[in-house]
Amino acid sequence: MTKSTIKHQKVISEAKWLKARRELLAKEKEFTRLRDKMTAQIRALPWRKIEKAYYFNGPKGKESLVDLFDGKTQLAVYHFMLGPDWDQGCKSCSFFADTFQGIPIHLAHRDVAFVAVSRAPLSKIEQFKKRMGWNFKWVSSFDSDFNFDFGVSFKDEDERAGHVFYNYTDSPYLNDEMPGASFFNRRNQEVFHTYSTYARGLDILNSAYNWLDLVPKGRDENPESTVDWLRHHDRYE
C-alpha cells in the first residue's frame, strides 16, 4: 500500500481561492466540451459487420452473440481477465467490476444490454462471481474465438514470440489475458461491432478512479506498478 503524503500546497484567502477556482472551472468546461466532441466521434465511427458466429455459455445455457442483446439493439461488453487455468479473476478487472453493480438496469432502460465475458469455463466464473457478491451477467467464451478475435486473449505462440497485437498496436506480451470493452449494435439478426477500447481507454469506465482523481492525493499509485496497492475487495487487511 502506498503511504505518500500530500505535497505542500499554498493556503490562500477565500476570495483568492474563489478566483483560482473559477479560472480552473473555465478549463474544466473546455475539457467537458472536448470530451463531448470525442464521444461524438466515437459514436460516428464506421461499423463493421460481425460475420462469424460466436456462442457463449451463460446462466440460460448456450447463447449466441445476438442472444446477449436480450432484446435490446445495443450491447456493452466488458472483457474480464479470467483465463481457463486461473484460480481467480484479475484484481484490476475485479476493481472495475465492483463499480458495475446497479448499472445494468439503468443501461437497459436506454436500450443497452450489459455483459462481462471471460474465457474461463462458466463454473469457474460462477464460483468467483459468488465469492465477490456480484449480480451482473457474466458469460464464458471458452468454446469460441471471441476473446482472441477481439484482442484480449493470447496463445502460447504469442508468449513465445514475446509480442501481441493489443490496443491496435504491436505490444510486448504481458499476459495470456488482457482487459478491454467492446460495443455492438443489432439490426434484427445482424450484429455490428461499433467500438472497442483497451488499457488506459478503460479508465473512464471506473467510477472509483474518477473519484480518486479528485481528492488531494489522487490515485496515489506507484507509477512503475500502478496496481500494487489493489486487492480483491475481500482481501484488504
C-alpha atoms as a PDB file:
ATOM      1  CA  MET A   1       0.000   0.000   0.000  1.00  0.00           C
ATOM      2  CA  THR A   2       1.299   3.460  -0.820  1.00  0.00           C
ATOM      3  CA  LYS A   3       1.704   5.887   2.054  1.00  0.00           C
ATOM      4  CA  SER A   4       2.589   9.126   0.333  1.00  0.00           C
ATOM      5  CA  THR A   5       1.816  12.463   1.914  1.00  0.00           C
ATOM      6  CA  ILE A   6       0.133  15.408   0.255  1.00  0.00           C
ATOM      7  CA  LYS A   7       2.672  17.838  -1.142  1.00  0.00           C
ATOM      8  CA  HIS A   8       2.709  21.256   0.477  1.00  0.00           C
ATOM      9  CA  GLN A   9       0.060  23.485  -1.043  1.00  0.00           C
ATOM     10  CA  LYS A  10      -0.375  27.198  -0.568  1.00  0.00           C
ATOM     11  CA  VAL A  11      -3.207  28.259   1.728  1.00  0.00           C
ATOM     12  CA  ILE A  12      -4.949  31.394   0.483  1.00  0.00           C
ATOM     13  CA  SER A  13      -7.915  33.577   1.362  1.00  0.00           C
ATOM     14  CA  GLU A  14     -11.463  32.657   0.368  1.00  0.00           C
ATOM     15  CA  ALA A  15     -11.576  35.424  -2.243  1.00  0.00           C
ATOM     16  CA  LYS A  16      -8.324  34.294  -3.887  1.00  0.00           C
ATOM     17  CA  TRP A  17      -9.447  30.648  -3.708  1.00  0.00           C
ATOM     18  CA  LEU A  18     -12.712  31.538  -5.471  1.00  0.00           C
ATOM     19  CA  LYS A  19     -10.807  33.370  -8.209  1.00  0.00           C
ATOM     20  CA  ALA A  20      -8.479  30.392  -8.731  1.00  0.00           C
ATOM     21  CA  ARG A  21     -11.439  28.003  -8.715  1.00  0.00           C
ATOM     22  CA  ARG A  22     -13.285  29.998 -11.362  1.00  0.00           C
ATOM     23  CA  GLU A  23     -10.205  30.012 -13.581  1.00  0.00           C
ATOM     24  CA  LEU A  24      -9.999  26.236 -13.246  1.00  0.00           C
ATOM     25  CA  LEU A  25     -13.741  25.908 -13.906  1.00  0.00           C
ATOM     26  CA  ALA A  26     -13.279  27.559 -17.300  1.00  0.00           C
ATOM     27  CA  LYS A  27     -10.695  24.906 -18.197  1.00  0.00           C
ATOM     28  CA  GLU A  28     -12.945  22.146 -16.856  1.00  0.00           C
ATOM     29  CA  LYS A  29     -15.784  23.334 -19.086  1.00  0.00           C
ATOM     30  CA  GLU A  30     -13.430  23.371 -22.066  1.00  0.00           C
ATOM     31  CA  PHE A  31     -12.384  19.799 -21.212  1.00  0.00           C
ATOM     32  CA  THR A  32     -16.039  18.740 -20.961  1.00  0.00           C
ATOM     33  CA  ARG A  33     -16.792  20.197 -24.390  1.00  0.00           C
ATOM     34  CA  LEU A  34     -13.748  18.400 -25.826  1.00  0.00           C
ATOM     35  CA  ARG A  35     -14.952  15.174 -24.207  1.00  0.00           C
ATOM     36  CA  ASP A  36     -18.393  15.661 -25.778  1.00  0.00           C
ATOM     37  CA  LYS A  37     -16.756  16.101 -29.187  1.00  0.00           C
ATOM     38  CA  MET A  38     -14.645  12.974 -28.664  1.00  0.00           C
ATOM     39  CA  THR A  39     -17.586  10.792 -27.668  1.00  0.00           C
ATOM     40  CA  ALA A  40     -19.492  12.111 -30.689  1.00  0.00           C
ATOM     41  CA  GLN A  41     -16.579  10.983 -32.882  1.00  0.00           C
ATOM     42  CA  ILE A  42     -16.662   7.570 -31.181  1.00  0.00           C
ATOM     43  CA  ARG A  43     -20.358   7.188 -31.971  1.00  0.00           C
ATOM     44  CA  ALA A  44     -19.731   8.334 -35.574  1.00  0.00           C
ATOM     45  CA  LEU A  45     -17.032   5.682 -36.153  1.00  0.00           C
ATOM     46  CA  PRO A  46     -17.962   3.398 -39.088  1.00  0.00           C
ATOM     47  CA  TRP A  47     -19.198  -0.050 -38.100  1.00  0.00           C
ATOM     48  CA  ARG A  48     -18.058  -3.492 -39.201  1.00  0.00           C
ATOM     49  CA  LYS A  49     -20.433  -6.399 -39.605  1.00  0.00           C
ATOM     50  CA  ILE A  50     -19.791  -9.494 -37.461  1.00  0.00           C
ATOM     51  CA  GLU A  51     -19.627 -12.362 -39.928  1.00  0.00           C
ATOM     52  CA  LYS A  52     -18.523 -15.118 -37.539  1.00  0.00           C
ATOM     53  CA  ALA A  53     -20.972 -16.941 -35.287  1.00  0.00           C
ATOM     54  CA  TYR A  54     -19.984 -16.643 -31.620  1.00  0.00           C
ATOM     55  CA  TYR A  55     -21.542 -18.716 -28.847  1.00  0.00           C
ATOM     56  CA  PHE A  56     -21.243 -18.356 -25.091  1.00  0.00           C
ATOM     57  CA  ASN A  57     -22.106 -20.406 -22.036  1.00  0.00           C
ATOM     58  CA  GLY A  58     -24.309 -18.434 -19.695  1.00  0.00           C
ATOM     59  CA  PRO A  59     -26.937 -18.793 -16.978  1.00  0.00           C
ATOM     60  CA  LYS A  60     -29.526 -19.655 -19.667  1.00  0.00           C
ATOM     61  CA  GLY A  61     -27.279 -22.213 -21.338  1.00  0.00           C
ATOM     62  CA  LYS A  62     -25.770 -21.737 -24.785  1.00  0.00           C
ATOM     63  CA  GLU A  63     -26.278 -18.200 -26.066  1.00  0.00           C
ATOM     64  CA  SER A  64     -25.345 -16.531 -29.338  1.00  0.00           C
ATOM     65  CA  LEU A  65     -23.998 -13.012 -29.626  1.00  0.00           C
ATOM     66  CA  VAL A  66     -27.493 -11.920 -30.662  1.00  0.00           C
ATOM     67  CA  ASP A  67     -28.908 -13.551 -27.524  1.00  0.00           C
ATOM     68  CA  LEU A  68     -26.635 -11.403 -25.351  1.00  0.00           C
ATOM     69  CA  PHE A  69     -28.546  -8.332 -26.541  1.00  0.00           C
ATOM     70  CA  ASP A  70     -31.563  -9.617 -24.570  1.00  0.00           C
ATOM     71  CA  GLY A  71     -33.918  -7.876 -26.993  1.00  0.00           C
ATOM     72  CA  LYS A  72     -32.028  -4.572 -26.929  1.00  0.00           C
ATOM     73  CA  THR A  73     -30.378  -3.041 -30.004  1.00  0.00           C
ATOM     74  CA  GLN A  74     -27.133  -2.095 -28.221  1.00  0.00           C
ATOM     75  CA  LEU A  75     -24.683  -4.238 -26.276  1.00  0.00           C
ATOM     76  CA  ALA A  76     -21.789  -3.265 -23.984  1.00  0.00           C
ATOM     77  CA  VAL A  77     -19.232  -5.978 -23.211  1.00  0.00           C
ATOM     78  CA  TYR A  78     -16.515  -5.881 -20.560  1.00  0.00           C
ATOM     79  CA  HIS A  79     -13.657  -8.279 -21.360  1.00  0.00           C
ATOM     80  CA  PHE A  80     -12.901  -9.590 -17.864  1.00  0.00           C
ATOM     81  CA  MET A  81      -9.488 -11.185 -17.318  1.00  0.00           C
ATOM     82  CA  LEU A  82     -10.229 -14.706 -16.071  1.00  0.00           C
ATOM     83  CA  GLY A  83      -8.479 -17.403 -18.059  1.00  0.00           C
ATOM     84  CA  PRO A  84      -9.335 -21.112 -18.149  1.00  0.00           C
ATOM     85  CA  ASP A  85      -6.449 -22.007 -15.814  1.00  0.00           C
ATOM     86  CA  TRP A  86      -6.739 -19.033 -13.465  1.00  0.00           C
ATOM     87  CA  ASP A  87      -7.656 -19.572  -9.804  1.00  0.00           C
ATOM     88  CA  GLN A  88      -9.432 -16.213  -9.530  1.00  0.00           C
ATOM     89  CA  GLY A  89     -10.285 -13.151 -11.575  1.00  0.00           C
ATOM     90  CA  CYS A  90      -7.819 -10.340 -12.203  1.00  0.00           C
ATOM     91  CA  LYS A  91      -7.764  -7.918  -9.261  1.00  0.00           C
ATOM     92  CA  SER A  92      -7.810  -4.908 -11.574  1.00  0.00           C
ATOM     93  CA  CYS A  93     -10.819  -6.212 -13.529  1.00  0.00           C
ATOM     94  CA  SER A  94     -12.437  -7.002 -10.178  1.00  0.00           C
ATOM     95  CA  PHE A  95     -11.872  -3.380  -9.138  1.00  0.00           C
ATOM     96  CA  PHE A  96     -13.732  -2.316 -12.269  1.00  0.00           C
ATOM     97  CA  ALA A  97     -16.449  -4.915 -11.718  1.00  0.00           C
ATOM     98  CA  ASP A  98     -17.135  -3.580  -8.217  1.00  0.00           C
ATOM     99  CA  THR A  99     -18.325  -0.404  -9.922  1.00  0.00           C
ATOM    100  CA  PHE A 100     -20.673  -2.289 -12.293  1.00  0.00           C
ATOM    101  CA  GLN A 101     -23.208  -3.118  -9.578  1.00  0.00           C
ATOM    102  CA  GLY A 102     -26.520  -1.385 -10.232  1.00  0.00           C
ATOM    103  CA  ILE A 103     -25.545  -0.099 -13.687  1.00  0.00           C
ATOM    104  CA  PRO A 104     -27.145  -2.745 -15.977  1.00  0.00           C
ATOM    105  CA  ILE A 105     -30.747  -1.878 -15.090  1.00  0.00           C
ATOM    106  CA  HIS A 106     -30.154   1.769 -15.982  1.00  0.00           C
ATOM    107  CA  LEU A 107     -28.440   0.828 -19.247  1.00  0.00           C
ATOM    108  CA  ALA A 108     -31.338  -1.490 -20.084  1.00  0.00           C
ATOM    109  CA  HIS A 109     -33.704   1.464 -19.904  1.00  0.00           C
ATOM    110  CA  ARG A 110     -31.582   3.194 -22.543  1.00  0.00           C
ATOM    111  CA  ASP A 111     -31.745   0.168 -24.883  1.00  0.00           C
ATOM    112  CA  VAL A 112     -28.348  -1.211 -23.821  1.00  0.00           C
ATOM    113  CA  ALA A 113     -27.610  -4.733 -22.584  1.00  0.00           C
ATOM    114  CA  PHE A 114     -24.515  -5.243 -20.421  1.00  0.00           C
ATOM    115  CA  VAL A 115     -22.463  -8.403 -20.009  1.00  0.00           C
ATOM    116  CA  ALA A 116     -18.987  -9.406 -18.859  1.00  0.00           C
ATOM    117  CA  VAL A 117     -17.187 -12.057 -20.907  1.00  0.00           C
ATOM    118  CA  SER A 118     -14.275 -14.278 -19.866  1.00  0.00           C
ATOM    119  CA  ARG A 119     -12.617 -17.313 -21.409  1.00  0.00           C
ATOM    120  CA  ALA A 120     -12.804 -19.331 -18.176  1.00  0.00           C
ATOM    121  CA  PRO A 121     -15.462 -22.069 -18.006  1.00  0.00           C
ATOM    122  CA  LEU A 122     -18.817 -20.926 -16.663  1.00  0.00           C
ATOM    123  CA  SER A 123     -18.427 -22.967 -13.463  1.00  0.00           C
ATOM    124  CA  LYS A 124     -15.266 -21.041 -12.574  1.00  0.00           C
ATOM    125  CA  ILE A 125     -16.942 -17.729 -13.428  1.00  0.00           C
ATOM    126  CA  GLU A 126     -19.949 -18.533 -11.260  1.00  0.00           C
ATOM    127  CA  GLN A 127     -17.737 -19.571  -8.345  1.00  0.00           C
ATOM    128  CA  PHE A 128     -15.744 -16.326  -8.404  1.00  0.00           C
ATOM    129  CA  LYS A 129     -18.859 -14.239  -9.021  1.00  0.00           C
ATOM    130  CA  LYS A 130     -20.490 -15.748  -5.919  1.00  0.00           C
ATOM    131  CA  ARG A 131     -17.381 -15.074  -3.851  1.00  0.00           C
ATOM    132  CA  MET A 132     -17.382 -11.421  -4.879  1.00  0.00           C
ATOM    133  CA  GLY A 133     -21.136 -10.942  -4.436  1.00  0.00           C
ATOM    134  CA  TRP A 134     -21.798  -9.617  -7.941  1.00  0.00           C
ATOM    135  CA  ASN A 135     -25.100  -9.876  -9.797  1.00  0.00           C
ATOM    136  CA  PHE A 136     -24.348  -8.588 -13.311  1.00  0.00           C
ATOM    137  CA  LYS A 137     -24.500 -11.040 -16.221  1.00  0.00           C
ATOM    138  CA  TRP A 138     -21.214 -12.827 -16.918  1.00  0.00           C
ATOM    139  CA  VAL A 139     -20.745 -15.486 -19.594  1.00  0.00           C
ATOM    140  CA  SER A 140     -17.980 -17.787 -20.802  1.00  0.00           C
ATOM    141  CA  SER A 141     -16.450 -17.630 -24.276  1.00  0.00           C
ATOM    142  CA  PHE A 142     -14.413 -20.777 -23.612  1.00  0.00           C
ATOM    143  CA  ASP A 143     -15.634 -22.611 -26.729  1.00  0.00           C
ATOM    144  CA  SER A 144     -15.344 -19.710 -29.166  1.00  0.00           C
ATOM    145  CA  ASP A 145     -12.755 -17.411 -30.747  1.00  0.00           C
ATOM    146  CA  PHE A 146     -14.449 -14.313 -29.346  1.00  0.00           C
ATOM    147  CA  ASN A 147     -11.690 -13.288 -26.928  1.00  0.00           C
ATOM    148  CA  PHE A 148      -8.947 -13.937 -29.463  1.00  0.00           C
ATOM    149  CA  ASP A 149     -10.747 -12.085 -32.253  1.00  0.00           C
ATOM    150  CA  PHE A 150     -11.291  -9.058 -30.018  1.00  0.00           C
ATOM    151  CA  GLY A 151      -7.650  -8.921 -28.960  1.00  0.00           C
ATOM    152  CA  VAL A 152      -7.921  -9.754 -25.253  1.00  0.00           C
ATOM    153  CA  SER A 153      -6.749 -13.391 -25.141  1.00  0.00           C
ATOM    154  CA  PHE A 154      -3.477 -14.738 -26.445  1.00  0.00           C
ATOM    155  CA  LYS A 155      -1.959 -18.107 -27.241  1.00  0.00           C
ATOM    156  CA  ASP A 156       1.237 -19.949 -26.352  1.00  0.00           C
ATOM    157  CA  GLU A 157       2.828 -18.920 -29.635  1.00  0.00           C
ATOM    158  CA  ASP A 158       2.231 -15.262 -28.740  1.00  0.00           C
ATOM    159  CA  GLU A 159       4.086 -15.773 -25.468  1.00  0.00           C
ATOM    160  CA  ARG A 160       6.966 -17.443 -27.285  1.00  0.00           C
ATOM    161  CA  ALA A 161       7.095 -14.590 -29.810  1.00  0.00           C
ATOM    162  CA  GLY A 162       7.131 -12.083 -26.950  1.00  0.00           C
ATOM    163  CA  HIS A 163       4.662  -9.689 -28.532  1.00  0.00           C
ATOM    164  CA  VAL A 164       0.956  -9.404 -29.340  1.00  0.00           C
ATOM    165  CA  PHE A 165      -1.423  -7.121 -31.205  1.00  0.00           C
ATOM    166  CA  TYR A 166      -3.163  -5.277 -28.365  1.00  0.00           C
ATOM    167  CA  ASN A 167      -4.824  -1.864 -28.281  1.00  0.00           C
ATOM    168  CA  TYR A 168      -4.429  -1.577 -32.052  1.00  0.00           C
ATOM    169  CA  THR A 169      -0.656  -1.843 -31.995  1.00  0.00           C
ATOM    170  CA  ASP A 170       2.156  -4.362 -31.672  1.00  0.00           C
ATOM    171  CA  SER A 171       2.784  -4.606 -27.932  1.00  0.00           C
ATOM    172  CA  PRO A 172       5.019  -6.653 -25.608  1.00  0.00           C
ATOM    173  CA  TYR A 173       3.447  -9.877 -24.346  1.00  0.00           C
ATOM    174  CA  LEU A 174       2.353  -9.284 -20.750  1.00  0.00           C
ATOM    175  CA  ASN A 175      -0.270 -11.941 -20.061  1.00  0.00           C
ATOM    176  CA  ASP A 176      -2.479 -14.541 -21.687  1.00  0.00           C
ATOM    177  CA  GLU A 177      -5.486 -12.325 -20.896  1.00  0.00           C
ATOM    178  CA  MET A 178      -5.857  -8.553 -21.135  1.00  0.00           C
ATOM    179  CA  PRO A 179      -8.737  -6.151 -20.378  1.00  0.00           C
ATOM    180  CA  GLY A 180     -10.989  -4.306 -22.765  1.00  0.00           C
ATOM    181  CA  ALA A 181     -14.520  -3.168 -23.523  1.00  0.00           C
ATOM    182  CA  SER A 182     -16.407  -3.655 -26.781  1.00  0.00           C
ATOM    183  CA  PHE A 183     -19.678  -2.244 -28.065  1.00  0.00           C
ATOM    184  CA  PHE A 184     -22.153  -3.586 -30.598  1.00  0.00           C
ATOM    185  CA  ASN A 185     -25.351  -2.695 -32.427  1.00  0.00           C
ATOM    186  CA  ARG A 186     -28.014  -5.125 -33.616  1.00  0.00           C
ATOM    187  CA  ARG A 187     -30.325  -4.825 -36.603  1.00  0.00           C
ATOM    188  CA  ASN A 188     -32.662  -7.812 -36.361  1.00  0.00           C
ATOM    189  CA  GLN A 189     -30.244 -10.780 -36.507  1.00  0.00           C
ATOM    190  CA  GLU A 190     -27.307  -8.793 -37.869  1.00  0.00           C
ATOM    191  CA  VAL A 191     -24.667  -7.600 -35.396  1.00  0.00           C
ATOM    192  CA  PHE A 192     -22.181  -4.796 -35.936  1.00  0.00           C
ATOM    193  CA  HIS A 193     -19.033  -4.007 -33.960  1.00  0.00           C
ATOM    194  CA  THR A 194     -19.066  -0.258 -33.313  1.00  0.00           C
ATOM    195  CA  TYR A 195     -16.153   0.393 -30.930  1.00  0.00           C
ATOM    196  CA  SER A 196     -13.617  -1.214 -28.598  1.00  0.00           C
ATOM    197  CA  THR A 197     -11.223   0.335 -26.108  1.00  0.00           C
ATOM    198  CA  TYR A 198      -8.337  -1.071 -24.086  1.00  0.00           C
ATOM    199  CA  ALA A 199      -5.673  -0.192 -21.496  1.00  0.00           C
ATOM    200  CA  ARG A 200      -5.992   3.424 -20.240  1.00  0.00           C
ATOM    201  CA  GLY A 201      -9.008   3.864 -22.505  1.00  0.00           C
ATOM    202  CA  LEU A 202     -10.923   1.916 -19.872  1.00  0.00           C
ATOM    203  CA  ASP A 203     -10.210   4.395 -17.062  1.00  0.00           C
ATOM    204  CA  ILE A 204     -13.330   6.427 -17.680  1.00  0.00           C
ATOM    205  CA  LEU A 205     -15.461   3.312 -17.052  1.00  0.00           C
ATOM    206  CA  ASN A 206     -14.156   3.009 -13.489  1.00  0.00           C
ATOM    207  CA  SER A 207     -16.110   5.379 -11.255  1.00  0.00           C
ATOM    208  CA  ALA A 208     -13.791   4.729  -8.281  1.00  0.00           C
ATOM    209  CA  TYR A 209     -10.800   6.002 -10.278  1.00  0.00           C
ATOM    210  CA  ASN A 210     -12.746   9.126 -11.193  1.00  0.00           C
ATOM    211  CA  TRP A 211     -13.444   9.802  -7.513  1.00  0.00           C
ATOM    212  CA  LEU A 212      -9.771   9.248  -6.637  1.00  0.00           C
ATOM    213  CA  ASP A 213      -8.686  11.684  -9.344  1.00  0.00           C
ATOM    214  CA  LEU A 214     -10.468  14.481  -7.444  1.00  0.00           C
ATOM    215  CA  VAL A 215      -9.002  14.002  -3.959  1.00  0.00           C
ATOM    216  CA  PRO A 216      -5.693  15.678  -2.968  1.00  0.00           C
ATOM    217  CA  LYS A 217      -3.551  12.519  -3.205  1.00  0.00           C
ATOM    218  CA  GLY A 218      -5.120  11.438  -6.494  1.00  0.00           C
ATOM    219  CA  ARG A 219      -4.707   7.748  -7.262  1.00  0.00           C
ATOM    220  CA  ASP A 220      -1.554   7.658  -5.135  1.00  0.00           C
ATOM    221  CA  GLU A 221      -0.157   4.780  -7.201  1.00  0.00           C
ATOM    222  CA  ASN A 222       3.347   3.551  -7.854  1.00  0.00           C
ATOM    223  CA  PRO A 223       3.955   4.702 -11.456  1.00  0.00           C
ATOM    224  CA  GLU A 224       6.128   1.641 -12.069  1.00  0.00           C
ATOM    225  CA  SER A 225       3.351  -0.727 -10.992  1.00  0.00           C
ATOM    226  CA  THR A 226       0.060   1.076 -10.671  1.00  0.00           C
ATOM    227  CA  VAL A 227      -1.959  -1.738  -9.068  1.00  0.00           C
ATOM    228  CA  ASP A 228       0.473  -2.685  -6.285  1.00  0.00           C
ATOM    229  CA  TRP A 229      -1.975  -1.284  -3.736  1.00  0.00           C
ATOM    230  CA  LEU A 230      -5.014  -3.012  -5.164  1.00  0.00           C
ATOM    231  CA  ARG A 231      -6.693  -6.086  -3.645  1.00  0.00           C
ATOM    232  CA  HIS A 232      -9.866  -8.027  -4.300  1.00  0.00           C
ATOM    233  CA  HIS A 233     -12.411  -6.332  -2.064  1.00  0.00           C
ATOM    234  CA  ASP A 234     -12.492  -9.351   0.268  1.00  0.00           C
ATOM    235  CA  ARG A 235      -8.683  -9.400   0.619  1.00  0.00           C
ATOM    236  CA  TYR A 236      -7.914  -5.995   2.106  1.00  0.00           C
ATOM    237  CA  GLU A 237      -6.408  -6.089   5.584  1.00  0.00           C
END
